[in-house]
Amino acid sequence: MRWRSFGEDNKTPLSKCVDCGMPNDGAAAASGDAKPRPDDFSICFYCGHYAVFDQDLRLREPTQAEIEKMVFDPRVLDMKRQRKRELRPDEKFFEFLVHLTKARTK
């Protein structure tokens, strides 16, 4: 499997995706080297779930207002397209990882 990045990788405190439970300890901007800040949007690399960085740069569930902003943000739409294009070769493997992680957390 090849690991890819959309921009420069930035370390963040370890947290889990609020949907699939996969670990996350990094972030990358859609392009460039922007570092994540509190209240920035995030998209899970594994399942594509929307999240928001909290004050400690851990992931949290977005509010309804944040979701409404995200779904029309061109940067978020671009990141979703990039993620889908880049992960296509590994899609079945990631589906397996997400399924396995959810099964272990029940």
Protein backbone atom coordinates (compact mmCIF):
# COMPACT_ATOMS: atom_id res chain seq x y z
CA MET A 1 0.00 0.00 0.00
CA ARG A 2 1.22 3.50 -0.78
CA TRP A 3 0.64 6.28 1.75
CA ARG A 4 -0.04 9.64 0.19
CA SER A 5 -0.38 13.18 1.36
CA PHE A 6 -2.22 16.12 -0.14
CA GLY A 7 0.08 18.74 1.34
CA GLU A 8 2.76 18.89 3.99
CA ASP A 9 2.10 16.46 6.86
CA ASN A 10 1.66 17.95 10.34
CA LYS A 11 1.65 15.95 13.56
CA THR A 12 -1.36 16.32 15.85
CA PRO A 13 -2.19 14.69 19.20
CA LEU A 14 -3.52 11.17 18.76
CA SER A 15 -7.29 10.99 18.51
CA LYS A 16 -9.79 8.70 16.81
CA CYS A 17 -12.23 9.36 14.02
CA VAL A 18 -15.58 10.10 15.62
CA ASP A 19 -17.25 7.79 13.08
CA CYS A 20 -15.01 4.84 12.19
CA GLY A 21 -12.68 4.92 15.21
CA MET A 22 -9.47 4.80 13.19
CA PRO A 23 -6.49 6.54 14.84
CA ASN A 24 -5.39 9.94 13.61
CA ASP A 25 -2.17 11.69 14.60
CA GLY A 26 -1.62 13.94 11.62
CA ALA A 27 -3.17 16.37 9.21
CA ALA A 28 -2.40 17.72 5.78
CA ALA A 29 -3.85 20.68 3.96
CA ALA A 30 -5.49 20.25 0.57
CA SER A 31 -2.41 22.00 -0.77
CA GLY A 32 0.52 23.87 0.68
CA ASP A 33 1.79 23.62 4.21
CA ALA A 34 -1.04 25.05 6.34
CA LYS A 35 -0.97 23.69 9.88
CA PRO A 36 -4.25 22.69 11.55
CA ARG A 37 -5.75 25.14 14.03
CA PRO A 38 -8.66 24.81 16.46
CA ASP A 39 -12.02 24.86 14.64
CA ASP A 40 -10.47 23.85 11.29
CA PHE A 41 -12.37 21.22 9.35
CA SER A 42 -11.02 17.71 8.88
CA ILE A 43 -11.95 14.75 6.73
CA CYS A 44 -11.12 11.24 7.91
CA PHE A 45 -8.54 9.65 5.62
CA TYR A 46 -10.15 6.23 6.08
CA CYS A 47 -13.92 6.79 5.95
CA GLY A 48 -14.36 10.39 4.76
CA HIS A 49 -16.28 11.51 7.86
CA TYR A 50 -16.31 15.25 8.58
CA ALA A 51 -14.79 16.38 11.88
CA VAL A 52 -13.43 19.54 13.50
CA PHE A 53 -10.21 20.08 15.44
CA ASP A 54 -10.85 21.08 19.05
CA GLN A 55 -8.66 23.42 21.12
CA ASP A 56 -6.14 20.59 21.69
CA LEU A 57 -6.15 19.64 17.97
CA ARG A 58 -8.06 16.43 18.65
CA LEU A 59 -11.04 15.55 16.48
CA ARG A 60 -14.59 16.25 17.55
CA GLU A 61 -18.01 15.90 15.95
CA PRO A 62 -18.99 19.05 14.03
CA THR A 63 -22.04 21.08 14.97
CA GLN A 64 -24.93 21.37 12.53
CA ALA A 65 -23.81 24.91 11.63
CA GLU A 66 -20.26 23.67 10.94
CA ILE A 67 -21.57 20.86 8.73
CA GLU A 68 -23.60 23.35 6.72
CA LYS A 69 -20.46 25.46 6.18
CA MET A 70 -18.35 22.43 5.24
CA VAL A 71 -20.61 20.95 2.61
CA PHE A 72 -20.42 24.12 0.52
CA ASP A 73 -16.78 25.02 1.18
CA PRO A 74 -14.84 24.59 -2.09
CA ARG A 75 -11.70 23.54 -0.18
CA VAL A 76 -13.59 20.73 1.56
CA LEU A 77 -15.16 19.60 -1.72
CA ASP A 78 -11.71 19.59 -3.35
CA MET A 79 -10.25 17.55 -0.47
CA LYS A 80 -13.09 14.99 -0.76
CA ARG A 81 -12.39 14.65 -4.50
CA GLN A 82 -8.64 14.28 -3.92
CA ARG A 83 -9.18 11.71 -1.18
CA LYS A 84 -11.48 9.64 -3.37
CA ARG A 85 -9.10 9.75 -6.34
CA GLU A 86 -6.01 8.89 -4.27
CA LEU A 87 -7.60 6.10 -2.25
CA ARG A 88 -9.32 4.30 -5.11
CA PRO A 89 -6.53 1.66 -5.43
CA ASP A 90 -6.71 0.93 -1.68
CA GLU A 91 -10.48 1.30 -1.23
CA LYS A 92 -11.23 -2.34 -0.35
CA PHE A 93 -8.34 -2.45 2.14
CA PHE A 94 -9.56 0.70 3.92
CA GLU A 95 -13.12 -0.64 4.02
CA PHE A 96 -11.73 -3.76 5.72
CA LEU A 97 -9.76 -1.67 8.26
CA VAL A 98 -12.81 0.42 9.12
CA HIS A 99 -14.99 -2.69 9.47
CA LEU A 100 -12.38 -4.38 11.70
CA THR A 101 -12.00 -1.29 13.90
CA LYS A 102 -15.75 -0.90 14.35
CA ALA A 103 -16.12 -4.58 15.21
CA ARG A 104 -13.40 -4.34 17.89
CA THR A 105 -14.93 -1.26 19.54
CA LYS A 106 -18.41 -2.76 19.98
